Amino acid sequence: MVYAHAVTRVTLSGTMFGAAEEWSTGFFMGQEGSDATPIDQGGADAIRDAWTTFFSASGSYINTAYKFTQVKTALIDANGFTVDGSQQYSYPTATVSGNTGTNTLPPQCSLVVTLLSDRPRGRASKGRMYLPGISAGIQSSNGKLFATDVNSIADNLKTFFDALVGQVGIADQLILAAKGVGLTPALTAQNDYVETIRVGDVVDTQRRRRNGLVETYTSKVLL
């Protein structure tokens, strides 16, 4: 076994810089002590609508060069395989762009959101997701984001996750799904509910696969 129980992987994705590159982020939905229930089309649409609100809000500080294009949900069984027929896709009916046109950063720059359960340490105590297109201002005095901007992003992200609670078509909750390790992975795999989200004030670097952003070189001949 890879996971303690079947879980649903939610993947949010889109493009950036005129579709020269792609971004994606996501999270797990499920239960602490039982298998997840597949999200239906209505649930996927609800996630799409809630993420659209977050993504396009001025206080989320996502750059206008970033577009949100797709939600995908898929049930992953305890062995780590996608359950056939469980996938749902949902697409915005109109273009969804970020709302901040300044402070454009390279595509590998991202803001980390830490997902925390009520466990003080160990497996399923902490996870993370990356927010794409961060364009909040950075203070020249310390290289950090402004506290008011970070608080705004955290508020908007809380609104997004809270909007998924009680939705028809989403039977499960936001969880941390820690894969099993060692000789008995079935015993070490853990699920736990996310109780808190935490947004930091330092922009992080996320390694990305280049999709179409071809690098152009400038060479100079030395004497």
N, C-alpha and C. Protein backbone atom coordinates (compact mmCIF):
# COMPACT_ATOMS: atom_id res chain seq x y z
N MET A 1 0.83 -1.19 0.00
CA MET A 1 0.00 0.00 0.00
C MET A 1 0.87 1.25 0.00
N VAL A 2 0.38 2.28 -0.69
CA VAL A 2 1.06 3.57 -0.73
C VAL A 2 0.40 4.55 0.23
N TYR A 3 -0.94 4.60 0.17
CA TYR A 3 -1.71 5.49 1.05
C TYR A 3 -2.47 4.65 2.08
N ALA A 4 -2.84 5.29 3.17
CA ALA A 4 -3.60 4.60 4.20
C ALA A 4 -4.98 4.21 3.69
N HIS A 5 -5.56 5.07 2.86
CA HIS A 5 -6.88 4.85 2.27
C HIS A 5 -6.91 5.52 0.90
N ALA A 6 -7.91 5.20 0.11
CA ALA A 6 -8.08 5.88 -1.17
C ALA A 6 -8.32 7.37 -0.92
N VAL A 7 -7.71 8.20 -1.76
CA VAL A 7 -7.81 9.66 -1.62
C VAL A 7 -8.13 10.27 -2.98
N THR A 8 -8.63 11.48 -2.96
CA THR A 8 -8.89 12.20 -4.20
C THR A 8 -7.84 13.28 -4.38
N ARG A 9 -7.18 13.26 -5.51
CA ARG A 9 -6.22 14.29 -5.85
C ARG A 9 -6.91 15.35 -6.68
N VAL A 10 -6.86 16.59 -6.23
CA VAL A 10 -7.42 17.72 -6.96
C VAL A 10 -6.25 18.50 -7.56
N THR A 11 -6.26 18.67 -8.87
CA THR A 11 -5.20 19.40 -9.56
C THR A 11 -5.79 20.62 -10.24
N LEU A 12 -5.24 21.77 -9.94
CA LEU A 12 -5.61 23.04 -10.56
C LEU A 12 -4.48 23.42 -11.49
N SER A 13 -4.80 23.83 -12.72
CA SER A 13 -3.73 24.10 -13.66
C SER A 13 -4.11 25.21 -14.64
N GLY A 14 -3.10 25.67 -15.36
CA GLY A 14 -3.33 26.73 -16.33
C GLY A 14 -2.05 27.07 -17.07
N THR A 15 -2.04 28.23 -17.68
CA THR A 15 -0.90 28.67 -18.49
C THR A 15 -0.37 30.00 -17.97
N MET A 16 0.78 30.39 -18.51
CA MET A 16 1.36 31.67 -18.15
C MET A 16 2.22 32.18 -19.29
N PHE A 17 2.37 33.50 -19.33
CA PHE A 17 3.19 34.15 -20.35
C PHE A 17 2.78 33.76 -21.76
N GLY A 18 1.50 34.04 -22.07
CA GLY A 18 0.99 33.76 -23.40
C GLY A 18 0.98 32.30 -23.75
N ALA A 19 0.81 31.42 -22.75
CA ALA A 19 0.78 29.96 -22.91
C ALA A 19 2.14 29.38 -23.27
N ALA A 20 3.21 30.17 -23.07
CA ALA A 20 4.55 29.63 -23.29
C ALA A 20 4.95 28.63 -22.21
N GLU A 21 4.31 28.73 -21.07
CA GLU A 21 4.58 27.81 -19.97
C GLU A 21 3.27 27.40 -19.31
N GLU A 22 3.35 26.37 -18.47
CA GLU A 22 2.21 25.85 -17.75
C GLU A 22 2.48 25.87 -16.26
N TRP A 23 1.42 25.97 -15.46
CA TRP A 23 1.55 25.84 -14.01
C TRP A 23 0.52 24.85 -13.51
N SER A 24 0.77 24.28 -12.35
CA SER A 24 -0.21 23.43 -11.70
C SER A 24 0.05 23.41 -10.20
N THR A 25 -0.99 23.19 -9.46
CA THR A 25 -0.90 23.03 -8.02
C THR A 25 -2.06 22.15 -7.60
N GLY A 26 -2.11 21.76 -6.34
CA GLY A 26 -3.21 20.90 -5.95
C GLY A 26 -3.18 20.48 -4.49
N PHE A 27 -4.11 19.59 -4.14
CA PHE A 27 -4.27 19.15 -2.76
C PHE A 27 -5.07 17.86 -2.77
N PHE A 28 -5.19 17.24 -1.58
CA PHE A 28 -5.93 15.99 -1.43
C PHE A 28 -7.23 16.23 -0.66
N MET A 29 -8.25 15.46 -1.04
CA MET A 29 -9.51 15.39 -0.30
C MET A 29 -9.69 13.94 0.12
N GLY A 30 -10.26 13.72 1.30
CA GLY A 30 -10.47 12.36 1.75
C GLY A 30 -10.94 12.30 3.18
N GLN A 31 -10.69 11.14 3.80
CA GLN A 31 -11.07 10.91 5.19
C GLN A 31 -9.86 10.38 5.95
N GLU A 32 -9.89 10.59 7.27
CA GLU A 32 -8.78 10.12 8.09
C GLU A 32 -8.75 8.61 8.20
N GLY A 33 -9.93 7.99 8.31
CA GLY A 33 -9.96 6.57 8.60
C GLY A 33 -10.70 5.71 7.61
N SER A 34 -11.02 6.23 6.42
CA SER A 34 -11.74 5.44 5.43
C SER A 34 -11.44 5.97 4.04
N ASP A 35 -11.92 5.24 3.03
CA ASP A 35 -11.67 5.64 1.65
C ASP A 35 -12.45 6.89 1.27
N ALA A 36 -11.86 7.68 0.38
CA ALA A 36 -12.52 8.87 -0.14
C ALA A 36 -13.64 8.45 -1.10
N THR A 37 -14.60 9.36 -1.26
CA THR A 37 -15.68 9.20 -2.23
C THR A 37 -15.34 10.03 -3.46
N PRO A 38 -15.44 9.46 -4.65
CA PRO A 38 -15.10 10.25 -5.85
C PRO A 38 -15.91 11.54 -5.94
N ILE A 39 -15.27 12.61 -6.33
CA ILE A 39 -15.95 13.89 -6.56
C ILE A 39 -16.69 13.80 -7.88
N ASP A 40 -17.95 14.24 -7.90
CA ASP A 40 -18.72 14.18 -9.15
C ASP A 40 -18.56 15.49 -9.93
N GLN A 41 -19.26 15.60 -11.06
CA GLN A 41 -19.09 16.77 -11.92
C GLN A 41 -19.49 18.04 -11.19
N GLY A 42 -20.57 17.98 -10.42
CA GLY A 42 -20.98 19.16 -9.68
C GLY A 42 -19.93 19.61 -8.68
N GLY A 43 -19.27 18.64 -8.05
CA GLY A 43 -18.20 18.97 -7.11
C GLY A 43 -17.02 19.60 -7.80
N ALA A 44 -16.63 19.05 -8.96
CA ALA A 44 -15.52 19.64 -9.73
C ALA A 44 -15.86 21.06 -10.17
N ASP A 45 -17.11 21.27 -10.56
CA ASP A 45 -17.53 22.63 -10.95
C ASP A 45 -17.48 23.59 -9.77
N ALA A 46 -17.82 23.09 -8.58
CA ALA A 46 -17.77 23.94 -7.38
C ALA A 46 -16.33 24.33 -7.07
N ILE A 47 -15.41 23.40 -7.22
CA ILE A 47 -13.99 23.72 -7.02
C ILE A 47 -13.54 24.76 -8.04
N ARG A 48 -13.95 24.56 -9.28
CA ARG A 48 -13.62 25.52 -10.36
C ARG A 48 -14.11 26.92 -10.01
N ASP A 49 -15.34 27.03 -9.58
CA ASP A 49 -15.90 28.35 -9.29
C ASP A 49 -15.21 29.01 -8.10
N ALA A 50 -14.91 28.22 -7.07
CA ALA A 50 -14.25 28.78 -5.89
C ALA A 50 -12.83 29.21 -6.21
N TRP A 51 -12.13 28.42 -7.03
CA TRP A 51 -10.75 28.78 -7.41
C TRP A 51 -10.75 29.98 -8.35
N THR A 52 -11.73 30.08 -9.21
CA THR A 52 -11.85 31.25 -10.08
C THR A 52 -11.94 32.52 -9.24
N THR A 53 -12.75 32.47 -8.20
CA THR A 53 -12.90 33.62 -7.31
C THR A 53 -11.57 33.97 -6.66
N PHE A 54 -10.87 32.96 -6.14
CA PHE A 54 -9.57 33.21 -5.51
C PHE A 54 -8.56 33.74 -6.52
N PHE A 55 -8.48 33.08 -7.66
CA PHE A 55 -7.44 33.36 -8.64
C PHE A 55 -7.54 34.78 -9.19
N SER A 56 -8.75 35.25 -9.40
CA SER A 56 -8.97 36.54 -10.05
C SER A 56 -9.14 37.70 -9.07
N ALA A 57 -9.11 37.42 -7.77
CA ALA A 57 -9.31 38.47 -6.77
C ALA A 57 -8.08 39.36 -6.69
N SER A 58 -8.30 40.66 -6.51
CA SER A 58 -7.18 41.59 -6.43
C SER A 58 -6.29 41.29 -5.22
N GLY A 59 -6.87 40.85 -4.13
CA GLY A 59 -6.10 40.58 -2.92
C GLY A 59 -5.36 39.27 -2.92
N SER A 60 -5.47 38.48 -4.00
CA SER A 60 -4.70 37.23 -4.11
C SER A 60 -3.33 37.46 -4.74
N TYR A 61 -3.15 38.60 -5.38
CA TYR A 61 -1.86 39.02 -5.95
C TYR A 61 -1.28 37.99 -6.92
N ILE A 62 -2.13 37.50 -7.81
CA ILE A 62 -1.68 36.62 -8.89
C ILE A 62 -1.54 37.46 -10.15
N ASN A 63 -0.44 37.28 -10.85
CA ASN A 63 -0.12 38.12 -12.00
C ASN A 63 -1.09 37.91 -13.15
N THR A 64 -1.34 38.99 -13.90
CA THR A 64 -2.27 38.93 -15.03
C THR A 64 -1.75 38.04 -16.16
N ALA A 65 -0.46 37.73 -16.16
CA ALA A 65 0.09 36.85 -17.19
C ALA A 65 -0.27 35.38 -16.95
N TYR A 66 -0.91 35.10 -15.83
CA TYR A 66 -1.28 33.73 -15.47
C TYR A 66 -2.78 33.51 -15.72
N LYS A 67 -3.10 32.38 -16.35
CA LYS A 67 -4.48 32.02 -16.65
C LYS A 67 -4.81 30.69 -15.97
N PHE A 68 -6.02 30.60 -15.47
CA PHE A 68 -6.54 29.34 -14.90
C PHE A 68 -7.42 28.68 -15.95
N THR A 69 -7.12 27.42 -16.28
CA THR A 69 -7.82 26.77 -17.38
C THR A 69 -8.51 25.45 -17.03
N GLN A 70 -8.15 24.80 -15.91
CA GLN A 70 -8.70 23.46 -15.70
C GLN A 70 -8.64 23.01 -14.24
N VAL A 71 -9.68 22.29 -13.84
CA VAL A 71 -9.68 21.50 -12.61
C VAL A 71 -9.76 20.03 -13.01
N LYS A 72 -8.94 19.21 -12.38
CA LYS A 72 -9.03 17.76 -12.56
C LYS A 72 -9.12 17.11 -11.18
N THR A 73 -10.05 16.20 -11.01
CA THR A 73 -10.12 15.41 -9.78
C THR A 73 -10.01 13.94 -10.16
N ALA A 74 -9.33 13.17 -9.33
CA ALA A 74 -9.15 11.75 -9.61
C ALA A 74 -9.03 10.98 -8.30
N LEU A 75 -9.74 9.88 -8.19
CA LEU A 75 -9.64 9.01 -7.03
C LEU A 75 -8.39 8.15 -7.17
N ILE A 76 -7.53 8.17 -6.15
CA ILE A 76 -6.30 7.38 -6.13
C ILE A 76 -6.48 6.28 -5.10
N ASP A 77 -6.35 5.03 -5.52
CA ASP A 77 -6.57 3.94 -4.56
C ASP A 77 -5.38 3.83 -3.60
N ALA A 78 -5.52 2.94 -2.61
CA ALA A 78 -4.50 2.83 -1.57
C ALA A 78 -3.15 2.38 -2.12
N ASN A 79 -3.15 1.77 -3.30
CA ASN A 79 -1.89 1.35 -3.92
C ASN A 79 -1.27 2.44 -4.78
N GLY A 80 -1.92 3.59 -4.87
CA GLY A 80 -1.35 4.71 -5.61
C GLY A 80 -1.77 4.79 -7.05
N PHE A 81 -2.75 4.01 -7.46
CA PHE A 81 -3.20 4.01 -8.85
C PHE A 81 -4.52 4.75 -9.01
N THR A 82 -4.65 5.46 -10.13
CA THR A 82 -5.89 6.17 -10.41
C THR A 82 -7.01 5.17 -10.70
N VAL A 83 -8.14 5.35 -10.08
CA VAL A 83 -9.29 4.47 -10.29
C VAL A 83 -9.95 4.84 -11.62
N ASP A 84 -10.04 3.87 -12.52
CA ASP A 84 -10.63 4.12 -13.84
C ASP A 84 -12.04 4.67 -13.71
N GLY A 85 -12.32 5.71 -14.48
CA GLY A 85 -13.65 6.29 -14.50
C GLY A 85 -13.92 7.29 -13.40
N SER A 86 -12.95 7.50 -12.51
CA SER A 86 -13.18 8.42 -11.39
C SER A 86 -12.84 9.87 -11.72
N GLN A 87 -12.16 10.10 -12.85
CA GLN A 87 -11.70 11.45 -13.17
C GLN A 87 -12.86 12.36 -13.56
N GLN A 88 -12.77 13.58 -13.08
CA GLN A 88 -13.70 14.64 -13.49
C GLN A 88 -12.89 15.86 -13.90
N TYR A 89 -13.37 16.54 -14.95
CA TYR A 89 -12.70 17.74 -15.43
C TYR A 89 -13.71 18.88 -15.44
N SER A 90 -13.22 20.07 -15.13
CA SER A 90 -14.08 21.25 -15.19
C SER A 90 -13.27 22.41 -15.72
N TYR A 91 -13.86 23.16 -16.65
CA TYR A 91 -13.16 24.24 -17.34
C TYR A 91 -13.92 25.55 -17.18
N PRO A 92 -13.24 26.65 -16.92
CA PRO A 92 -13.93 27.94 -16.88
C PRO A 92 -14.57 28.24 -18.24
N THR A 93 -15.72 28.88 -18.21
CA THR A 93 -16.41 29.21 -19.46
C THR A 93 -15.88 30.49 -20.09
N ALA A 94 -15.09 31.25 -19.34
CA ALA A 94 -14.46 32.46 -19.87
C ALA A 94 -13.02 32.51 -19.36
N THR A 95 -12.23 33.38 -19.93
CA THR A 95 -10.84 33.50 -19.52
C THR A 95 -10.74 33.98 -18.08
N VAL A 96 -9.97 33.26 -17.29
CA VAL A 96 -9.75 33.63 -15.89
C VAL A 96 -8.28 33.98 -15.71
N SER A 97 -8.01 35.25 -15.43
CA SER A 97 -6.64 35.74 -15.27
C SER A 97 -6.42 36.24 -13.86
N GLY A 98 -5.15 36.31 -13.47
CA GLY A 98 -4.80 36.98 -12.24
C GLY A 98 -5.13 38.46 -12.34
N ASN A 99 -5.07 39.17 -11.21
CA ASN A 99 -5.56 40.53 -11.15
C ASN A 99 -4.46 41.57 -10.96
N THR A 100 -3.19 41.12 -10.84
CA THR A 100 -2.09 42.05 -10.56
C THR A 100 -1.17 42.15 -11.76
N GLY A 101 -1.03 43.37 -12.31
CA GLY A 101 -0.22 43.55 -13.51
C GLY A 101 1.18 44.04 -13.25
N THR A 102 1.58 44.17 -12.00
CA THR A 102 2.92 44.67 -11.66
C THR A 102 3.71 43.59 -10.94
N ASN A 103 4.97 43.87 -10.70
CA ASN A 103 5.86 42.97 -9.95
C ASN A 103 5.92 41.57 -10.57
N THR A 104 6.01 41.50 -11.90
CA THR A 104 6.08 40.21 -12.57
C THR A 104 7.40 39.51 -12.26
N LEU A 105 7.32 38.27 -11.81
CA LEU A 105 8.50 37.50 -11.43
C LEU A 105 8.68 36.32 -12.37
N PRO A 106 9.87 35.70 -12.40
CA PRO A 106 10.08 34.51 -13.24
C PRO A 106 9.13 33.39 -12.85
N PRO A 107 8.84 32.47 -13.78
CA PRO A 107 7.84 31.43 -13.53
C PRO A 107 8.18 30.48 -12.39
N GLN A 108 9.45 30.35 -12.06
CA GLN A 108 9.82 29.45 -10.97
C GLN A 108 9.57 30.05 -9.59
N CYS A 109 9.23 31.32 -9.52
CA CYS A 109 8.93 31.96 -8.25
C CYS A 109 7.50 31.65 -7.84
N SER A 110 7.33 31.25 -6.58
CA SER A 110 6.02 30.84 -6.11
C SER A 110 5.93 31.12 -4.62
N LEU A 111 4.70 31.15 -4.12
CA LEU A 111 4.46 31.36 -2.70
C LEU A 111 3.96 30.05 -2.10
N VAL A 112 4.64 29.61 -1.05
CA VAL A 112 4.30 28.34 -0.43
C VAL A 112 3.18 28.52 0.58
N VAL A 113 2.20 27.62 0.51
CA VAL A 113 1.16 27.53 1.53
C VAL A 113 1.38 26.23 2.29
N THR A 114 1.54 26.32 3.59
CA THR A 114 1.71 25.14 4.42
C THR A 114 0.35 24.70 4.94
N LEU A 115 0.06 23.42 4.79
CA LEU A 115 -1.19 22.83 5.27
C LEU A 115 -0.87 22.03 6.53
N LEU A 116 -1.56 22.31 7.62
CA LEU A 116 -1.22 21.73 8.92
C LEU A 116 -2.40 20.97 9.49
N SER A 117 -2.14 19.77 10.00
CA SER A 117 -3.14 19.03 10.77
C SER A 117 -2.96 19.38 12.25
N ASP A 118 -3.66 18.64 13.11
CA ASP A 118 -3.50 18.90 14.55
C ASP A 118 -2.37 18.08 15.15
N ARG A 119 -1.60 17.39 14.32
CA ARG A 119 -0.46 16.63 14.83
C ARG A 119 0.74 17.56 14.98
N PRO A 120 1.43 17.53 16.10
CA PRO A 120 2.56 18.44 16.30
C PRO A 120 3.76 18.11 15.42
N ARG A 121 3.89 16.86 15.02
CA ARG A 121 5.03 16.45 14.20
C ARG A 121 4.74 15.08 13.60
N GLY A 122 5.63 14.65 12.72
CA GLY A 122 5.49 13.32 12.14
C GLY A 122 4.69 13.31 10.86
N ARG A 123 4.37 12.12 10.39
CA ARG A 123 3.68 11.96 9.13
C ARG A 123 2.26 12.51 9.22
N ALA A 124 1.83 13.14 8.11
CA ALA A 124 0.50 13.77 8.01
C ALA A 124 0.34 14.92 8.99
N SER A 125 1.46 15.51 9.42
CA SER A 125 1.37 16.70 10.26
C SER A 125 1.49 17.98 9.45
N LYS A 126 2.14 17.88 8.29
CA LYS A 126 2.42 19.08 7.51
C LYS A 126 2.52 18.73 6.03
N GLY A 127 1.94 19.59 5.19
CA GLY A 127 2.07 19.46 3.73
C GLY A 127 2.18 20.84 3.13
N ARG A 128 2.28 20.89 1.81
CA ARG A 128 2.41 22.19 1.17
C ARG A 128 1.82 22.18 -0.22
N MET A 129 1.43 23.37 -0.67
CA MET A 129 1.06 23.58 -2.05
C MET A 129 1.67 24.92 -2.48
N TYR A 130 1.88 25.08 -3.77
CA TYR A 130 2.49 26.29 -4.29
C TYR A 130 1.43 27.13 -5.00
N LEU A 131 1.38 28.42 -4.66
CA LEU A 131 0.48 29.33 -5.37
C LEU A 131 1.22 29.92 -6.56
N PRO A 132 0.62 29.88 -7.74
CA PRO A 132 1.31 30.37 -8.94
C PRO A 132 1.24 31.88 -9.07
N GLY A 133 2.22 32.45 -9.77
CA GLY A 133 2.14 33.83 -10.23
C GLY A 133 2.16 34.90 -9.17
N ILE A 134 2.83 34.66 -8.05
CA ILE A 134 2.85 35.65 -6.98
C ILE A 134 3.41 36.98 -7.49
N SER A 135 2.66 38.06 -7.25
CA SER A 135 3.07 39.38 -7.72
C SER A 135 2.87 40.45 -6.65
N ALA A 136 2.88 40.05 -5.40
CA ALA A 136 2.83 41.02 -4.33
C ALA A 136 4.18 41.75 -4.25
N GLY A 137 4.15 42.97 -3.74
CA GLY A 137 5.38 43.75 -3.64
C GLY A 137 6.33 43.22 -2.59
N ILE A 138 7.62 43.35 -2.87
CA ILE A 138 8.66 42.90 -1.95
C ILE A 138 9.34 44.12 -1.33
N GLN A 139 9.50 44.11 -0.04
CA GLN A 139 10.13 45.23 0.66
C GLN A 139 11.63 45.26 0.39
N SER A 140 12.13 46.40 0.00
CA SER A 140 13.55 46.53 -0.30
C SER A 140 14.42 46.44 0.96
N SER A 141 13.81 46.70 2.11
CA SER A 141 14.58 46.69 3.35
C SER A 141 14.92 45.29 3.85
N ASN A 142 14.05 44.30 3.53
CA ASN A 142 14.29 42.96 4.06
C ASN A 142 13.99 41.82 3.08
N GLY A 143 13.56 42.14 1.87
CA GLY A 143 13.30 41.11 0.87
C GLY A 143 12.04 40.30 1.11
N LYS A 144 11.19 40.75 2.03
CA LYS A 144 9.97 40.02 2.36
C LYS A 144 8.74 40.71 1.79
N LEU A 145 7.65 39.94 1.67
CA LEU A 145 6.38 40.50 1.27
C LEU A 145 5.80 41.35 2.40
N PHE A 146 4.95 42.29 2.04
CA PHE A 146 4.29 43.11 3.05
C PHE A 146 3.28 42.27 3.82
N ALA A 147 3.22 42.48 5.14
CA ALA A 147 2.34 41.69 5.99
C ALA A 147 0.87 41.82 5.59
N THR A 148 0.46 43.01 5.16
CA THR A 148 -0.94 43.20 4.75
C THR A 148 -1.27 42.38 3.52
N ASP A 149 -0.31 42.25 2.59
CA ASP A 149 -0.54 41.45 1.39
C ASP A 149 -0.63 39.98 1.73
N VAL A 150 0.26 39.51 2.59
CA VAL A 150 0.24 38.10 2.99
C VAL A 150 -1.07 37.76 3.68
N ASN A 151 -1.53 38.66 4.54
CA ASN A 151 -2.79 38.43 5.24
C ASN A 151 -3.96 38.37 4.26
N SER A 152 -3.92 39.22 3.23
CA SER A 152 -4.97 39.22 2.22
C SER A 152 -4.99 37.91 1.45
N ILE A 153 -3.81 37.42 1.07
CA ILE A 153 -3.72 36.15 0.35
C ILE A 153 -4.26 35.02 1.22
N ALA A 154 -3.86 35.01 2.49
CA ALA A 154 -4.31 33.96 3.40
C ALA A 154 -5.83 34.01 3.59
N ASP A 155 -6.39 35.19 3.71
CA ASP A 155 -7.84 35.33 3.84
C ASP A 155 -8.56 34.77 2.62
N ASN A 156 -8.05 35.12 1.43
CA ASN A 156 -8.70 34.66 0.20
C ASN A 156 -8.58 33.15 0.04
N LEU A 157 -7.44 32.59 0.44
CA LEU A 157 -7.27 31.14 0.33
C LEU A 157 -8.16 30.41 1.34
N LYS A 158 -8.30 30.97 2.52
CA LYS A 158 -9.24 30.39 3.50
C LYS A 158 -10.66 30.38 2.93
N THR A 159 -11.05 31.49 2.29
CA THR A 159 -12.37 31.56 1.67
C THR A 159 -12.54 30.46 0.63
N PHE A 160 -11.49 30.20 -0.15
CA PHE A 160 -11.54 29.15 -1.16
C PHE A 160 -11.78 27.79 -0.52
N PHE A 161 -10.96 27.42 0.45
CA PHE A 161 -11.12 26.10 1.06
C PHE A 161 -12.43 25.98 1.84
N ASP A 162 -12.83 27.04 2.52
CA ASP A 162 -14.09 27.01 3.25
C ASP A 162 -15.28 26.80 2.31
N ALA A 163 -15.16 27.31 1.08
CA ALA A 163 -16.26 27.19 0.11
C ALA A 163 -16.49 25.75 -0.33
N LEU A 164 -15.53 24.86 -0.10
CA LEU A 164 -15.67 23.47 -0.50
C LEU A 164 -16.41 22.63 0.53
N VAL A 165 -16.54 23.17 1.73
CA VAL A 165 -17.19 22.42 2.82
C VAL A 165 -18.70 22.39 2.59
N GLY A 166 -19.25 21.18 2.63
CA GLY A 166 -20.70 21.03 2.49
C GLY A 166 -21.22 21.13 1.08
N GLN A 167 -20.33 21.17 0.10
CA GLN A 167 -20.78 21.24 -1.29
C GLN A 167 -21.37 19.90 -1.74
N VAL A 168 -22.47 19.95 -2.46
CA VAL A 168 -23.01 18.74 -3.08
C VAL A 168 -21.99 18.23 -4.10
N GLY A 169 -21.68 16.96 -4.02
CA GLY A 169 -20.69 16.40 -4.94
C GLY A 169 -19.30 16.31 -4.34
N ILE A 170 -19.10 16.90 -3.15
CA ILE A 170 -17.81 16.79 -2.44
C ILE A 170 -18.11 16.23 -1.06
N ALA A 171 -17.91 14.92 -0.91
CA ALA A 171 -18.28 14.26 0.33
C ALA A 171 -17.17 14.31 1.37
N ASP A 172 -15.96 14.63 0.94
CA ASP A 172 -14.80 14.52 1.82
C ASP A 172 -14.26 15.88 2.25
N GLN A 173 -13.17 15.84 3.01
CA GLN A 173 -12.56 17.04 3.55
C GLN A 173 -11.13 17.17 3.05
N LEU A 174 -10.58 18.38 3.21
CA LEU A 174 -9.19 18.63 2.90
C LEU A 174 -8.31 17.85 3.86
N ILE A 175 -7.39 17.06 3.31
CA ILE A 175 -6.56 16.20 4.15
C ILE A 175 -5.09 16.29 3.74
N LEU A 176 -4.26 15.77 4.62
CA LEU A 176 -2.87 15.46 4.31
C LEU A 176 -2.78 13.95 4.14
N ALA A 177 -2.21 13.50 3.04
CA ALA A 177 -2.10 12.07 2.75
C ALA A 177 -0.61 11.72 2.67
N ALA A 178 -0.08 11.16 3.75
CA ALA A 178 1.34 10.81 3.81
C ALA A 178 1.52 9.38 3.33
N LYS A 179 2.38 9.20 2.34
CA LYS A 179 2.64 7.87 1.82
C LYS A 179 3.39 7.02 2.85
N GLY A 180 3.15 5.70 2.76
CA GLY A 180 3.84 4.78 3.64
C GLY A 180 5.30 4.60 3.25
N VAL A 181 6.13 4.34 4.23
CA VAL A 181 7.56 4.14 4.00
C VAL A 181 8.02 2.90 4.75
N GLY A 182 9.23 2.46 4.44
CA GLY A 182 9.83 1.35 5.16
C GLY A 182 9.35 0.00 4.68
N LEU A 183 9.61 -1.02 5.49
CA LEU A 183 9.28 -2.40 5.12
C LEU A 183 7.79 -2.68 5.21
N THR A 184 7.08 -1.90 6.00
CA THR A 184 5.63 -2.09 6.15
C THR A 184 4.91 -0.77 5.86
N PRO A 185 4.89 -0.35 4.60
CA PRO A 185 4.29 0.96 4.28
C PRO A 185 2.81 1.05 4.62
N ALA A 186 2.11 -0.08 4.65
CA ALA A 186 0.69 -0.05 4.99
C ALA A 186 0.48 0.42 6.43
N LEU A 187 1.47 0.22 7.27
CA LEU A 187 1.36 0.62 8.67
C LEU A 187 1.83 2.05 8.90
N THR A 188 2.67 2.56 8.01
CA THR A 188 3.22 3.91 8.22
C THR A 188 2.47 4.99 7.44
N ALA A 189 1.67 4.59 6.44
CA ALA A 189 0.87 5.57 5.71
C ALA A 189 -0.16 6.20 6.64
N GLN A 190 -0.36 7.51 6.51
CA GLN A 190 -1.24 8.23 7.42
C GLN A 190 -2.08 9.25 6.66
N ASN A 191 -3.32 9.41 7.05
CA ASN A 191 -4.18 10.51 6.62
C ASN A 191 -4.58 11.33 7.84
N ASP A 192 -4.67 12.65 7.67
CA ASP A 192 -5.22 13.49 8.73
C ASP A 192 -5.81 14.74 8.11
N TYR A 193 -6.80 15.30 8.80
CA TYR A 193 -7.51 16.47 8.29
C TYR A 193 -6.66 17.73 8.44
N VAL A 194 -6.75 18.60 7.45
CA VAL A 194 -6.07 19.89 7.53
C VAL A 194 -6.89 20.81 8.44
N GLU A 195 -6.25 21.33 9.46
CA GLU A 195 -6.91 22.22 10.42
C GLU A 195 -6.56 23.69 10.17
N THR A 196 -5.36 23.94 9.65
CA THR A 196 -4.85 25.30 9.53
C THR A 196 -4.06 25.45 8.24
N ILE A 197 -4.15 26.63 7.62
CA ILE A 197 -3.26 26.97 6.51
C ILE A 197 -2.34 28.09 6.98
N ARG A 198 -1.11 28.09 6.46
CA ARG A 198 -0.12 29.09 6.86
C ARG A 198 0.60 29.61 5.62
N VAL A 199 0.57 30.92 5.44
CA VAL A 199 1.22 31.56 4.29
C VAL A 199 2.40 32.37 4.80
N GLY A 200 3.57 32.15 4.22
CA GLY A 200 4.77 32.86 4.63
C GLY A 200 4.95 34.17 3.89
N ASP A 201 5.99 34.91 4.25
CA ASP A 201 6.23 36.22 3.65
C ASP A 201 7.51 36.26 2.80
N VAL A 202 8.01 35.07 2.44
CA VAL A 202 9.20 34.99 1.58
C VAL A 202 8.84 34.19 0.33
N VAL A 203 9.15 34.75 -0.83
CA VAL A 203 8.88 34.07 -2.10
C VAL A 203 9.84 32.89 -2.24
N ASP A 204 9.31 31.73 -2.60
CA ASP A 204 10.10 30.52 -2.72
C ASP A 204 10.40 30.23 -4.19
N THR A 205 11.21 29.22 -4.42
CA THR A 205 11.55 28.78 -5.78
C THR A 205 11.03 27.37 -5.98
N GLN A 206 10.26 27.18 -7.05
CA GLN A 206 9.70 25.88 -7.38
C GLN A 206 10.33 25.40 -8.68
N ARG A 207 10.90 24.22 -8.66
CA ARG A 207 11.47 23.68 -9.89
C ARG A 207 10.35 23.32 -10.85
N ARG A 208 10.47 23.75 -12.09
CA ARG A 208 9.41 23.53 -13.08
C ARG A 208 9.97 22.85 -14.33
N ARG A 209 9.13 22.03 -14.94
CA ARG A 209 9.46 21.49 -16.25
C ARG A 209 9.17 22.56 -17.28
N ARG A 210 10.13 22.86 -18.13
CA ARG A 210 9.88 23.82 -19.18
C ARG A 210 8.95 23.21 -20.23
N ASN A 211 7.93 23.95 -20.58
CA ASN A 211 6.97 23.48 -21.57
C ASN A 211 7.28 24.04 -22.94
N GLY A 212 7.41 25.35 -23.03
CA GLY A 212 7.68 25.95 -24.32
C GLY A 212 8.48 27.23 -24.23
N LEU A 213 8.96 27.54 -23.03
CA LEU A 213 9.70 28.78 -22.83
C LEU A 213 11.15 28.53 -23.23
N VAL A 214 11.43 28.72 -24.50
CA VAL A 214 12.75 28.42 -25.06
C VAL A 214 13.71 29.55 -24.73
N GLU A 215 14.85 29.18 -24.19
CA GLU A 215 15.84 30.17 -23.80
C GLU A 215 16.63 30.65 -25.02
N THR A 216 16.82 31.96 -25.10
CA THR A 216 17.63 32.57 -26.16
C THR A 216 18.92 33.09 -25.52
N TYR A 217 20.03 32.77 -26.13
CA TYR A 217 21.32 33.15 -25.58
C TYR A 217 21.93 34.34 -26.31
N THR A 218 22.64 35.16 -25.56
CA THR A 218 23.42 36.25 -26.13
C THR A 218 24.89 35.99 -25.85
N SER A 219 25.69 35.94 -26.89
CA SER A 219 27.11 35.62 -26.74
C SER A 219 27.95 36.84 -27.10
N LYS A 220 29.08 36.97 -26.43
CA LYS A 220 30.03 38.04 -26.71
C LYS A 220 31.43 37.41 -26.84
N VAL A 221 32.14 37.79 -27.90
CA VAL A 221 33.49 37.28 -28.13
C VAL A 221 34.48 38.12 -27.34
N LEU A 222 35.32 37.48 -26.55
CA LEU A 222 36.30 38.19 -25.74
C LEU A 222 37.54 38.49 -26.54
N LEU A 223 38.28 39.50 -26.11
CA LEU A 223 39.57 39.83 -26.76
C LEU A 223 40.58 38.72 -26.53
